[in-house]
């Protein structure tokens, strides 16, 4: 996919990716320690959502307020992924 996404659709897409990623990260953080397959699957899905946000964010024209709002959620997801042991810069 190339080019810009429409602001409304793009913002909703980015927000959905972040919220989905946070849901998977929360599931991984709250899973019993012995359920490693589920934990790894949830971490993988959370990371995919984070990476998707990073890949598409430059294709969406956002207001300063929208950008700040999305970045705060992205930072929450990043912290959760780091807590789960994911290497992020």
C-alpha atoms as a PDB file:
ATOM      1  CA  UNK A   1       0.000   0.000   0.000  1.00  0.00           C
ATOM      2  CA  UNK A   2       1.443   3.354  -0.954  1.00  0.00           C
ATOM      3  CA  UNK A   3       0.378   6.934  -0.519  1.00  0.00           C
ATOM      4  CA  UNK A   4      -1.562   8.651   2.199  1.00  0.00           C
ATOM      5  CA  UNK A   5      -4.551   7.228   4.031  1.00  0.00           C
ATOM      6  CA  UNK A   6      -7.539   9.510   4.508  1.00  0.00           C
ATOM      7  CA  UNK A   7      -7.271  11.244   7.878  1.00  0.00           C
ATOM      8  CA  UNK A   8     -10.485   9.773   9.322  1.00  0.00           C
ATOM      9  CA  UNK A   9      -9.894   6.203   8.189  1.00  0.00           C
ATOM     10  CA  UNK A  10      -6.190   6.378   8.946  1.00  0.00           C
ATOM     11  CA  UNK A  11      -6.704   7.673  12.471  1.00  0.00           C
ATOM     12  CA  UNK A  12      -9.270   4.970  13.215  1.00  0.00           C
ATOM     13  CA  UNK A  13      -6.973   2.305  11.771  1.00  0.00           C
ATOM     14  CA  UNK A  14      -4.030   3.435  13.891  1.00  0.00           C
ATOM     15  CA  UNK A  15      -6.162   3.676  17.023  1.00  0.00           C
ATOM     16  CA  UNK A  16      -7.611   0.214  16.414  1.00  0.00           C
ATOM     17  CA  UNK A  17      -4.143  -1.270  15.929  1.00  0.00           C
ATOM     18  CA  UNK A  18      -2.919   0.247  19.184  1.00  0.00           C
ATOM     19  CA  UNK A  19      -5.964  -0.809  21.198  1.00  0.00           C
ATOM     20  CA  UNK A  20      -5.760  -4.322  19.771  1.00  0.00           C
ATOM     21  CA  UNK A  21      -2.073  -4.475  20.628  1.00  0.00           C
ATOM     22  CA  UNK A  22      -2.772  -3.337  24.186  1.00  0.00           C
ATOM     23  CA  UNK A  23      -5.443  -6.006  24.544  1.00  0.00           C
ATOM     24  CA  UNK A  24      -3.025  -8.737  23.452  1.00  0.00           C
ATOM     25  CA  UNK A  25      -0.293  -7.360  25.713  1.00  0.00           C
ATOM     26  CA  UNK A  26      -2.682  -7.293  28.673  1.00  0.00           C
ATOM     27  CA  UNK A  27      -3.699 -10.881  27.937  1.00  0.00           C
ATOM     28  CA  UNK A  28      -0.063 -11.943  27.864  1.00  0.00           C
ATOM     29  CA  UNK A  29       0.709 -10.102  31.097  1.00  0.00           C
ATOM     30  CA  UNK A  30      -2.242 -11.666  32.916  1.00  0.00           C
ATOM     31  CA  UNK A  31      -1.841 -15.224  31.588  1.00  0.00           C
ATOM     32  CA  UNK A  32      -0.669 -17.977  33.929  1.00  0.00           C
ATOM     33  CA  UNK A  33       3.099 -18.491  33.728  1.00  0.00           C
ATOM     34  CA  UNK A  34       2.718 -22.074  32.521  1.00  0.00           C
ATOM     35  CA  UNK A  35       0.718 -21.093  29.454  1.00  0.00           C
ATOM     36  CA  UNK A  36       3.776 -20.197  27.365  1.00  0.00           C
ATOM     37  CA  UNK A  37       2.191 -20.967  23.986  1.00  0.00           C
ATOM     38  CA  UNK A  38      -0.668 -18.539  24.629  1.00  0.00           C
ATOM     39  CA  UNK A  39       1.675 -15.927  26.090  1.00  0.00           C
ATOM     40  CA  UNK A  40       3.994 -16.100  23.059  1.00  0.00           C
ATOM     41  CA  UNK A  41       1.033 -15.897  20.660  1.00  0.00           C
ATOM     42  CA  UNK A  42      -0.340 -12.853  22.483  1.00  0.00           C
ATOM     43  CA  UNK A  43       3.087 -11.184  22.522  1.00  0.00           C
ATOM     44  CA  UNK A  44       3.469 -11.877  18.800  1.00  0.00           C
ATOM     45  CA  UNK A  45       0.067 -10.331  18.049  1.00  0.00           C
ATOM     46  CA  UNK A  46       0.764  -7.298  20.252  1.00  0.00           C
ATOM     47  CA  UNK A  47       4.093  -6.763  18.505  1.00  0.00           C
ATOM     48  CA  UNK A  48       2.458  -7.038  15.072  1.00  0.00           C
ATOM     49  CA  UNK A  49      -0.004  -4.317  16.064  1.00  0.00           C
ATOM     50  CA  UNK A  50       2.814  -2.073  17.338  1.00  0.00           C
ATOM     51  CA  UNK A  51       4.863  -2.608  14.184  1.00  0.00           C
ATOM     52  CA  UNK A  52       1.822  -1.924  12.005  1.00  0.00           C
ATOM     53  CA  UNK A  53       1.244   1.360  13.831  1.00  0.00           C
ATOM     54  CA  UNK A  54       4.874   2.343  13.300  1.00  0.00           C
ATOM     55  CA  UNK A  55       4.752   1.413   9.615  1.00  0.00           C
ATOM     56  CA  UNK A  56       1.546   3.303   8.758  1.00  0.00           C
ATOM     57  CA  UNK A  57       1.659   6.344  11.041  1.00  0.00           C
ATOM     58  CA  UNK A  58       3.587   8.442   8.512  1.00  0.00           C
ATOM     59  CA  UNK A  59       0.854   7.843   5.922  1.00  0.00           C
ATOM     60  CA  UNK A  60      -1.811   9.589   7.979  1.00  0.00           C
ATOM     61  CA  UNK A  61      -2.133  13.353   8.362  1.00  0.00           C
ATOM     62  CA  UNK A  62      -2.934  13.923  12.024  1.00  0.00           C
ATOM     63  CA  UNK A  63      -3.572  17.040  14.042  1.00  0.00           C
ATOM     64  CA  UNK A  64      -1.120  17.750  16.848  1.00  0.00           C
ATOM     65  CA  UNK A  65      -3.756  16.614  19.360  1.00  0.00           C
ATOM     66  CA  UNK A  66      -4.413  13.353  17.489  1.00  0.00           C
ATOM     67  CA  UNK A  67      -0.704  12.697  17.129  1.00  0.00           C
ATOM     68  CA  UNK A  68      -0.160  13.247  20.860  1.00  0.00           C
ATOM     69  CA  UNK A  69      -3.118  11.024  21.753  1.00  0.00           C
ATOM     70  CA  UNK A  70      -1.928   8.171  19.538  1.00  0.00           C
ATOM     71  CA  UNK A  71       1.674   8.521  20.682  1.00  0.00           C
ATOM     72  CA  UNK A  72       0.622   8.218  24.330  1.00  0.00           C
ATOM     73  CA  UNK A  73      -1.185   4.949  23.555  1.00  0.00           C
ATOM     74  CA  UNK A  74       1.770   3.733  21.470  1.00  0.00           C
ATOM     75  CA  UNK A  75       4.054   4.468  24.428  1.00  0.00           C
ATOM     76  CA  UNK A  76       1.780   2.393  26.699  1.00  0.00           C
ATOM     77  CA  UNK A  77       1.963  -0.500  24.247  1.00  0.00           C
ATOM     78  CA  UNK A  78       5.726  -0.133  23.939  1.00  0.00           C
ATOM     79  CA  UNK A  79       6.151  -0.265  27.723  1.00  0.00           C
ATOM     80  CA  UNK A  80       3.933  -3.362  27.937  1.00  0.00           C
ATOM     81  CA  UNK A  81       5.932  -5.073  25.183  1.00  0.00           C
ATOM     82  CA  UNK A  82       9.196  -4.228  26.925  1.00  0.00           C
ATOM     83  CA  UNK A  83       7.788  -5.614  30.162  1.00  0.00           C
ATOM     84  CA  UNK A  84       7.068  -8.816  28.229  1.00  0.00           C
ATOM     85  CA  UNK A  85      10.672  -8.974  27.089  1.00  0.00           C
ATOM     86  CA  UNK A  86      10.305  -7.624  23.557  1.00  0.00           C
ATOM     87  CA  UNK A  87      13.381  -5.724  22.385  1.00  0.00           C
ATOM     88  CA  UNK A  88      12.270  -2.268  21.235  1.00  0.00           C
ATOM     89  CA  UNK A  89      14.433   0.769  20.541  1.00  0.00           C
END
